[in-house]
Amino acid sequence: MSTSTELYTQDPVVAKVANSLAEQISSMEKSASVIQGVTEQIESYFQSTASTAFRTAMSDWNDKYTQIISQYNTWLQDYQSGHAGINNAHEEARSIAGGFMSTANDVYGALSGN
């Protein structure tokens, strides 16, 4: 299961947290791949009570991993959507404010005596 790790922000604290999460998710993806391979080999070659307990534990880990990935992807989508909304609002505000610049300059000039 691969996830996107492209995060855009101008807040260094948020960027640091987002990058740390992306690194952890990447590490978990590698672990999940290894666990899946080992579990498949055990299922193929070892049929015992001990291997059943191991497979149950690995299945439980995989279920929790899947839940975390789902929650991470939801957070990532919400984060990116929220950040895009903020950027759009910022650009819209700048655009609107740009229309007032000539008036603002005239007011400033009149008040400053120029």
N, C-alpha and C. Protein backbone atom coordinates (compact mmCIF):
# COMPACT_ATOMS: atom_id res chain seq x y z
N MET A 1 0.85 -1.16 0.00
CA MET A 1 0.00 0.00 0.00
C MET A 1 0.90 1.23 0.00
N SER A 2 0.86 2.00 -1.01
CA SER A 2 1.72 3.17 -1.12
C SER A 2 0.91 4.43 -0.88
N THR A 3 1.55 5.39 -0.21
CA THR A 3 0.87 6.64 0.09
C THR A 3 1.67 7.80 -0.46
N SER A 4 0.98 8.89 -0.72
CA SER A 4 1.65 10.09 -1.19
C SER A 4 2.25 10.81 0.01
N THR A 5 3.46 11.32 -0.15
CA THR A 5 4.09 12.04 0.95
C THR A 5 4.39 13.48 0.56
N GLU A 6 3.79 13.97 -0.51
CA GLU A 6 4.04 15.34 -0.93
C GLU A 6 3.17 16.28 -0.11
N LEU A 7 3.81 17.00 0.78
CA LEU A 7 3.10 17.93 1.63
C LEU A 7 3.67 19.32 1.41
N TYR A 8 2.79 20.28 1.33
CA TYR A 8 3.23 21.65 1.10
C TYR A 8 2.75 22.51 2.25
N THR A 9 3.67 23.21 2.86
CA THR A 9 3.31 24.14 3.91
C THR A 9 4.44 25.13 4.09
N GLN A 10 4.08 26.28 4.61
CA GLN A 10 5.11 27.26 4.90
C GLN A 10 5.40 27.32 6.38
N ASP A 11 4.70 26.54 7.15
CA ASP A 11 4.92 26.47 8.59
C ASP A 11 5.93 25.36 8.86
N PRO A 12 7.13 25.68 9.32
CA PRO A 12 8.16 24.66 9.50
C PRO A 12 7.80 23.60 10.54
N VAL A 13 7.01 23.96 11.55
CA VAL A 13 6.62 22.98 12.56
C VAL A 13 5.69 21.94 11.94
N VAL A 14 4.70 22.40 11.18
CA VAL A 14 3.77 21.48 10.53
C VAL A 14 4.53 20.63 9.51
N ALA A 15 5.42 21.22 8.78
CA ALA A 15 6.20 20.47 7.80
C ALA A 15 7.03 19.39 8.48
N LYS A 16 7.62 19.71 9.62
CA LYS A 16 8.43 18.73 10.34
C LYS A 16 7.57 17.56 10.81
N VAL A 17 6.40 17.85 11.36
CA VAL A 17 5.50 16.79 11.83
C VAL A 17 5.04 15.95 10.64
N ALA A 18 4.65 16.59 9.56
CA ALA A 18 4.18 15.88 8.38
C ALA A 18 5.27 14.99 7.81
N ASN A 19 6.50 15.49 7.75
CA ASN A 19 7.61 14.69 7.23
C ASN A 19 7.92 13.51 8.16
N SER A 20 7.83 13.73 9.46
CA SER A 20 8.06 12.64 10.42
C SER A 20 7.00 11.55 10.24
N LEU A 21 5.75 11.97 10.06
CA LEU A 21 4.68 11.00 9.81
C LEU A 21 4.94 10.22 8.52
N ALA A 22 5.33 10.92 7.48
CA ALA A 22 5.59 10.26 6.20
C ALA A 22 6.73 9.25 6.33
N GLU A 23 7.77 9.59 7.09
CA GLU A 23 8.89 8.66 7.30
C GLU A 23 8.43 7.43 8.08
N GLN A 24 7.61 7.65 9.10
CA GLN A 24 7.10 6.53 9.90
C GLN A 24 6.22 5.61 9.05
N ILE A 25 5.36 6.21 8.24
CA ILE A 25 4.49 5.42 7.37
C ILE A 25 5.33 4.61 6.38
N SER A 26 6.36 5.21 5.84
CA SER A 26 7.25 4.50 4.92
C SER A 26 7.91 3.30 5.61
N SER A 27 8.35 3.49 6.83
CA SER A 27 8.96 2.41 7.60
C SER A 27 7.94 1.30 7.85
N MET A 28 6.71 1.69 8.17
CA MET A 28 5.66 0.71 8.41
C MET A 28 5.32 -0.06 7.13
N GLU A 29 5.35 0.61 5.98
CA GLU A 29 5.09 -0.07 4.71
C GLU A 29 6.13 -1.15 4.45
N LYS A 30 7.40 -0.85 4.75
CA LYS A 30 8.46 -1.84 4.57
C LYS A 30 8.26 -3.02 5.52
N SER A 31 7.91 -2.71 6.76
CA SER A 31 7.66 -3.78 7.75
C SER A 31 6.49 -4.65 7.32
N ALA A 32 5.44 -4.03 6.82
CA ALA A 32 4.26 -4.79 6.39
C ALA A 32 4.62 -5.75 5.26
N SER A 33 5.47 -5.31 4.36
CA SER A 33 5.88 -6.17 3.25
C SER A 33 6.66 -7.38 3.76
N VAL A 34 7.58 -7.14 4.69
CA VAL A 34 8.37 -8.23 5.26
C VAL A 34 7.47 -9.19 6.03
N ILE A 35 6.59 -8.64 6.84
CA ILE A 35 5.69 -9.48 7.64
C ILE A 35 4.80 -10.33 6.74
N GLN A 36 4.31 -9.74 5.68
CA GLN A 36 3.45 -10.50 4.76
C GLN A 36 4.23 -11.67 4.15
N GLY A 37 5.46 -11.41 3.73
CA GLY A 37 6.29 -12.48 3.15
C GLY A 37 6.58 -13.59 4.14
N VAL A 38 6.95 -13.24 5.36
CA VAL A 38 7.26 -14.25 6.38
C VAL A 38 6.00 -15.04 6.72
N THR A 39 4.88 -14.35 6.87
CA THR A 39 3.63 -15.02 7.20
C THR A 39 3.24 -16.01 6.10
N GLU A 40 3.40 -15.62 4.84
CA GLU A 40 3.08 -16.52 3.72
C GLU A 40 3.97 -17.76 3.73
N GLN A 41 5.26 -17.57 4.06
CA GLN A 41 6.17 -18.72 4.12
C GLN A 41 5.79 -19.65 5.27
N ILE A 42 5.44 -19.08 6.40
CA ILE A 42 5.05 -19.91 7.55
C ILE A 42 3.77 -20.67 7.23
N GLU A 43 2.82 -20.00 6.59
CA GLU A 43 1.58 -20.68 6.21
C GLU A 43 1.85 -21.85 5.26
N SER A 44 2.83 -21.68 4.39
CA SER A 44 3.14 -22.72 3.40
C SER A 44 3.92 -23.90 3.99
N TYR A 45 4.81 -23.64 4.95
CA TYR A 45 5.75 -24.68 5.38
C TYR A 45 5.60 -25.15 6.82
N PHE A 46 4.90 -24.41 7.64
CA PHE A 46 4.80 -24.81 9.05
C PHE A 46 3.34 -24.83 9.47
N GLN A 47 2.85 -25.99 9.78
CA GLN A 47 1.47 -26.15 10.25
C GLN A 47 1.54 -26.67 11.69
N SER A 48 1.44 -25.74 12.64
CA SER A 48 1.47 -26.13 14.05
C SER A 48 0.73 -25.09 14.87
N THR A 49 0.55 -25.41 16.15
CA THR A 49 -0.11 -24.47 17.05
C THR A 49 0.71 -23.19 17.17
N ALA A 50 2.01 -23.33 17.22
CA ALA A 50 2.88 -22.16 17.34
C ALA A 50 2.76 -21.27 16.11
N SER A 51 2.72 -21.88 14.93
CA SER A 51 2.61 -21.05 13.73
C SER A 51 1.24 -20.39 13.64
N THR A 52 0.22 -21.06 14.16
CA THR A 52 -1.12 -20.45 14.18
C THR A 52 -1.11 -19.23 15.08
N ALA A 53 -0.48 -19.32 16.23
CA ALA A 53 -0.40 -18.17 17.14
C ALA A 53 0.38 -17.03 16.49
N PHE A 54 1.46 -17.37 15.79
CA PHE A 54 2.26 -16.35 15.11
C PHE A 54 1.43 -15.67 14.02
N ARG A 55 0.75 -16.48 13.20
CA ARG A 55 -0.06 -15.91 12.12
C ARG A 55 -1.18 -15.03 12.67
N THR A 56 -1.75 -15.43 13.80
CA THR A 56 -2.81 -14.62 14.43
C THR A 56 -2.24 -13.28 14.88
N ALA A 57 -1.06 -13.32 15.49
CA ALA A 57 -0.42 -12.07 15.93
C ALA A 57 -0.08 -11.18 14.74
N MET A 58 0.41 -11.77 13.67
CA MET A 58 0.76 -10.98 12.48
C MET A 58 -0.49 -10.44 11.80
N SER A 59 -1.56 -11.20 11.81
CA SER A 59 -2.83 -10.73 11.24
C SER A 59 -3.35 -9.55 12.06
N ASP A 60 -3.21 -9.63 13.37
CA ASP A 60 -3.63 -8.53 14.24
C ASP A 60 -2.79 -7.29 13.95
N TRP A 61 -1.47 -7.46 13.78
CA TRP A 61 -0.60 -6.33 13.46
C TRP A 61 -1.02 -5.71 12.13
N ASN A 62 -1.30 -6.55 11.14
CA ASN A 62 -1.68 -6.06 9.83
C ASN A 62 -3.01 -5.31 9.88
N ASP A 63 -3.96 -5.79 10.68
CA ASP A 63 -5.24 -5.09 10.83
C ASP A 63 -5.02 -3.69 11.42
N LYS A 64 -4.18 -3.62 12.44
CA LYS A 64 -3.89 -2.31 13.06
C LYS A 64 -3.13 -1.41 12.09
N TYR A 65 -2.21 -2.00 11.34
CA TYR A 65 -1.46 -1.25 10.33
C TYR A 65 -2.43 -0.65 9.30
N THR A 66 -3.37 -1.45 8.83
CA THR A 66 -4.34 -1.00 7.84
C THR A 66 -5.17 0.16 8.40
N GLN A 67 -5.56 0.07 9.66
CA GLN A 67 -6.32 1.16 10.29
C GLN A 67 -5.49 2.45 10.36
N ILE A 68 -4.24 2.31 10.73
CA ILE A 68 -3.36 3.49 10.84
C ILE A 68 -3.17 4.13 9.47
N ILE A 69 -2.93 3.32 8.45
CA ILE A 69 -2.75 3.85 7.10
C ILE A 69 -4.01 4.58 6.65
N SER A 70 -5.16 4.00 6.94
CA SER A 70 -6.43 4.64 6.57
C SER A 70 -6.58 5.99 7.27
N GLN A 71 -6.27 6.03 8.56
CA GLN A 71 -6.37 7.28 9.31
C GLN A 71 -5.34 8.30 8.81
N TYR A 72 -4.15 7.85 8.49
CA TYR A 72 -3.12 8.74 7.96
C TYR A 72 -3.57 9.33 6.62
N ASN A 73 -4.09 8.48 5.74
CA ASN A 73 -4.54 8.98 4.43
C ASN A 73 -5.68 9.98 4.57
N THR A 74 -6.58 9.74 5.52
CA THR A 74 -7.66 10.70 5.78
C THR A 74 -7.08 12.02 6.26
N TRP A 75 -6.14 11.95 7.20
CA TRP A 75 -5.50 13.17 7.71
C TRP A 75 -4.78 13.90 6.57
N LEU A 76 -4.05 13.15 5.75
CA LEU A 76 -3.30 13.76 4.66
C LEU A 76 -4.22 14.49 3.69
N GLN A 77 -5.32 13.86 3.33
CA GLN A 77 -6.28 14.50 2.42
C GLN A 77 -6.88 15.75 3.06
N ASP A 78 -7.24 15.66 4.33
CA ASP A 78 -7.81 16.82 5.03
C ASP A 78 -6.78 17.95 5.14
N TYR A 79 -5.55 17.59 5.45
CA TYR A 79 -4.49 18.57 5.57
C TYR A 79 -4.28 19.29 4.24
N GLN A 80 -4.15 18.51 3.17
CA GLN A 80 -3.90 19.11 1.87
C GLN A 80 -5.09 19.95 1.42
N SER A 81 -6.28 19.49 1.67
CA SER A 81 -7.48 20.24 1.31
C SER A 81 -7.55 21.55 2.11
N GLY A 82 -7.30 21.47 3.40
CA GLY A 82 -7.32 22.67 4.24
C GLY A 82 -6.25 23.66 3.83
N HIS A 83 -5.06 23.14 3.55
CA HIS A 83 -3.97 24.03 3.15
C HIS A 83 -4.28 24.70 1.81
N ALA A 84 -4.87 23.94 0.89
CA ALA A 84 -5.25 24.52 -0.41
C ALA A 84 -6.30 25.61 -0.21
N GLY A 85 -7.24 25.37 0.70
CA GLY A 85 -8.26 26.38 0.99
C GLY A 85 -7.67 27.65 1.55
N ILE A 86 -6.71 27.50 2.44
CA ILE A 86 -6.04 28.67 3.02
C ILE A 86 -5.27 29.42 1.94
N ASN A 87 -4.55 28.69 1.10
CA ASN A 87 -3.80 29.34 0.02
C ASN A 87 -4.73 30.08 -0.93
N ASN A 88 -5.84 29.45 -1.28
CA ASN A 88 -6.80 30.10 -2.18
C ASN A 88 -7.38 31.36 -1.56
N ALA A 89 -7.73 31.29 -0.27
CA ALA A 89 -8.26 32.47 0.42
C ALA A 89 -7.22 33.58 0.49
N HIS A 90 -5.97 33.20 0.73
CA HIS A 90 -4.89 34.18 0.79
C HIS A 90 -4.73 34.88 -0.56
N GLU A 91 -4.71 34.09 -1.62
CA GLU A 91 -4.55 34.67 -2.96
C GLU A 91 -5.75 35.55 -3.32
N GLU A 92 -6.94 35.13 -2.92
CA GLU A 92 -8.13 35.94 -3.19
C GLU A 92 -8.06 37.26 -2.43
N ALA A 93 -7.64 37.20 -1.18
CA ALA A 93 -7.50 38.42 -0.38
C ALA A 93 -6.46 39.36 -0.98
N ARG A 94 -5.35 38.81 -1.45
CA ARG A 94 -4.33 39.64 -2.09
C ARG A 94 -4.87 40.28 -3.36
N SER A 95 -5.64 39.51 -4.11
CA SER A 95 -6.23 40.04 -5.34
C SER A 95 -7.17 41.18 -5.06
N ILE A 96 -8.01 41.00 -4.06
CA ILE A 96 -8.97 42.05 -3.68
C ILE A 96 -8.21 43.26 -3.16
N ALA A 97 -7.22 43.03 -2.32
CA ALA A 97 -6.45 44.14 -1.75
C ALA A 97 -5.69 44.89 -2.83
N GLY A 98 -5.27 44.20 -3.87
CA GLY A 98 -4.56 44.85 -4.96
C GLY A 98 -5.41 45.90 -5.64
N GLY A 99 -6.72 45.72 -5.64
CA GLY A 99 -7.62 46.70 -6.23
C GLY A 99 -7.70 47.99 -5.44
N PHE A 100 -7.30 47.93 -4.18
CA PHE A 100 -7.36 49.11 -3.33
C PHE A 100 -6.03 49.86 -3.25
N MET A 101 -4.99 49.34 -3.90
CA MET A 101 -3.66 49.94 -3.75
C MET A 101 -3.61 51.38 -4.23
N SER A 102 -4.21 51.70 -5.35
CA SER A 102 -4.14 53.09 -5.83
C SER A 102 -4.87 54.01 -4.87
N THR A 103 -6.00 53.57 -4.37
CA THR A 103 -6.74 54.38 -3.39
C THR A 103 -5.93 54.52 -2.12
N ALA A 104 -5.33 53.44 -1.68
CA ALA A 104 -4.53 53.48 -0.45
C ALA A 104 -3.34 54.42 -0.62
N ASN A 105 -2.72 54.38 -1.79
CA ASN A 105 -1.59 55.27 -2.04
C ASN A 105 -2.03 56.73 -2.04
N ASP A 106 -3.20 57.01 -2.60
CA ASP A 106 -3.72 58.39 -2.61
C ASP A 106 -4.00 58.87 -1.18
N VAL A 107 -4.60 57.99 -0.38
CA VAL A 107 -4.90 58.34 1.02
C VAL A 107 -3.59 58.57 1.77
N TYR A 108 -2.64 57.70 1.59
CA TYR A 108 -1.35 57.85 2.27
C TYR A 108 -0.69 59.17 1.85
N GLY A 109 -0.72 59.44 0.56
CA GLY A 109 -0.11 60.69 0.06
C GLY A 109 -0.79 61.92 0.64
N ALA A 110 -2.10 61.89 0.71
CA ALA A 110 -2.83 63.03 1.26
C ALA A 110 -2.55 63.22 2.73
N LEU A 111 -2.50 62.13 3.48
CA LEU A 111 -2.27 62.21 4.91
C LEU A 111 -0.83 62.55 5.27
N SER A 112 0.10 62.17 4.39
CA SER A 112 1.51 62.43 4.69
C SER A 112 1.93 63.82 4.17
N GLY A 113 1.05 64.50 3.47
CA GLY A 113 1.35 65.84 2.98
C GLY A 113 2.11 65.84 1.68
N ASN A 114 2.19 64.74 0.99
CA ASN A 114 2.90 64.68 -0.29
C ASN A 114 2.01 65.05 -1.44
